[in-house]
C-alpha atoms as a PDB file:
ATOM      1  CA  MET A   1      -6.437   9.449  -0.407  1.00  0.00           C
ATOM      2  CA  GLN A   2      -6.800   6.186  -2.295  1.00  0.00           C
ATOM      3  CA  ALA A   3      -8.348   6.208  -5.750  1.00  0.00           C
ATOM      4  CA  ALA A   4     -12.105   5.642  -5.717  1.00  0.00           C
ATOM      5  CA  LYS A   5     -11.894   2.481  -7.822  1.00  0.00           C
ATOM      6  CA  GLN A   6      -9.347   0.883  -5.497  1.00  0.00           C
ATOM      7  CA  GLU A   7     -11.368   1.793  -2.396  1.00  0.00           C
ATOM      8  CA  ALA A   8     -14.483   0.261  -3.940  1.00  0.00           C
ATOM      9  CA  LEU A   9     -12.605  -2.921  -4.824  1.00  0.00           C
ATOM     10  CA  ASP A  10     -11.195  -3.136  -1.290  1.00  0.00           C
ATOM     11  CA  VAL A  11     -14.692  -2.832   0.203  1.00  0.00           C
ATOM     12  CA  ILE A  12     -16.133  -5.450  -2.145  1.00  0.00           C
ATOM     13  CA  THR A  13     -13.331  -7.985  -1.637  1.00  0.00           C
ATOM     14  CA  ARG A  14     -13.802  -7.829   2.153  1.00  0.00           C
ATOM     15  CA  LEU A  15     -17.464  -8.845   1.858  1.00  0.00           C
ATOM     16  CA  PRO A  16     -18.542 -12.494   2.130  1.00  0.00           C
ATOM     17  CA  ASP A  17     -18.960 -14.362  -1.173  1.00  0.00           C
ATOM     18  CA  ASP A  18     -22.714 -14.676  -0.692  1.00  0.00           C
ATOM     19  CA  THR A  19     -23.296 -10.905  -0.334  1.00  0.00           C
ATOM     20  CA  ASP A  20     -26.203  -9.719  -2.463  1.00  0.00           C
ATOM     21  CA  MET A  21     -26.120  -6.757  -4.837  1.00  0.00           C
ATOM     22  CA  GLU A  22     -28.225  -4.597  -2.508  1.00  0.00           C
ATOM     23  CA  GLU A  23     -25.657  -4.918   0.289  1.00  0.00           C
ATOM     24  CA  ILE A  24     -22.787  -4.192  -2.108  1.00  0.00           C
ATOM     25  CA  MET A  25     -24.528  -1.061  -3.369  1.00  0.00           C
ATOM     26  CA  TYR A  26     -25.246   0.064   0.199  1.00  0.00           C
ATOM     27  CA  ARG A  27     -21.602  -0.361   1.211  1.00  0.00           C
ATOM     28  CA  LEU A  28     -20.457   1.630  -1.833  1.00  0.00           C
ATOM     29  CA  TYR A  29     -23.030   4.337  -1.022  1.00  0.00           C
ATOM     30  CA  VAL A  30     -21.709   4.623   2.530  1.00  0.00           C
ATOM     31  CA  LEU A  31     -18.118   4.716   1.271  1.00  0.00           C
ATOM     32  CA  ASP A  32     -19.038   7.578  -1.073  1.00  0.00           C
ATOM     33  CA  LYS A  33     -20.706   9.558   1.722  1.00  0.00           C
ATOM     34  CA  VAL A  34     -17.708   9.087   4.025  1.00  0.00           C
ATOM     35  CA  ARG A  35     -15.316  10.228   1.281  1.00  0.00           C
ATOM     36  CA  THR A  36     -17.485  13.256   0.565  1.00  0.00           C
ATOM     37  CA  GLY A  37     -17.487  14.163   4.252  1.00  0.00           C
ATOM     38  CA  GLN A  38     -13.725  13.756   4.554  1.00  0.00           C
ATOM     39  CA  GLU A  39     -13.155  15.969   1.530  1.00  0.00           C
ATOM     40  CA  ALA A  40     -15.493  18.615   2.959  1.00  0.00           C
ATOM     41  CA  VAL A  41     -13.555  18.650   6.229  1.00  0.00           C
ATOM     42  CA  GLU A  42     -10.254  18.968   4.373  1.00  0.00           C
ATOM     43  CA  ARG A  43     -11.635  21.963   2.466  1.00  0.00           C
ATOM     44  CA  GLY A  44     -13.076  23.564   5.591  1.00  0.00           C
ATOM     45  CA  ARG A  45     -16.642  23.092   4.398  1.00  0.00           C
ATOM     46  CA  THR A  46     -18.213  22.059   7.643  1.00  0.00           C
ATOM     47  CA  HIS A  47     -21.158  23.354   9.592  1.00  0.00           C
ATOM     48  CA  LEU A  48     -21.299  23.107  13.337  1.00  0.00           C
ATOM     49  CA  PRO A  49     -24.725  23.082  14.986  1.00  0.00           C
ATOM     50  CA  ALA A  50     -25.689  26.241  16.873  1.00  0.00           C
ATOM     51  CA  ARG A  51     -25.282  26.096  20.625  1.00  0.00           C
ATOM     52  CA  ASN A  52     -28.206  26.938  22.890  1.00  0.00           C
END
């Protein structure tokens, strides 16, 4: 997996030049949540909903 700093820079450089700070922070938040989820899956830390 790419280093966190490089992933953040990649996300930011793909945004339009007039992107405000709120949008940048939101994109970084989403990136963090996706990374956390991917790491959980790799470690087998997942929870499947109960079936009815």
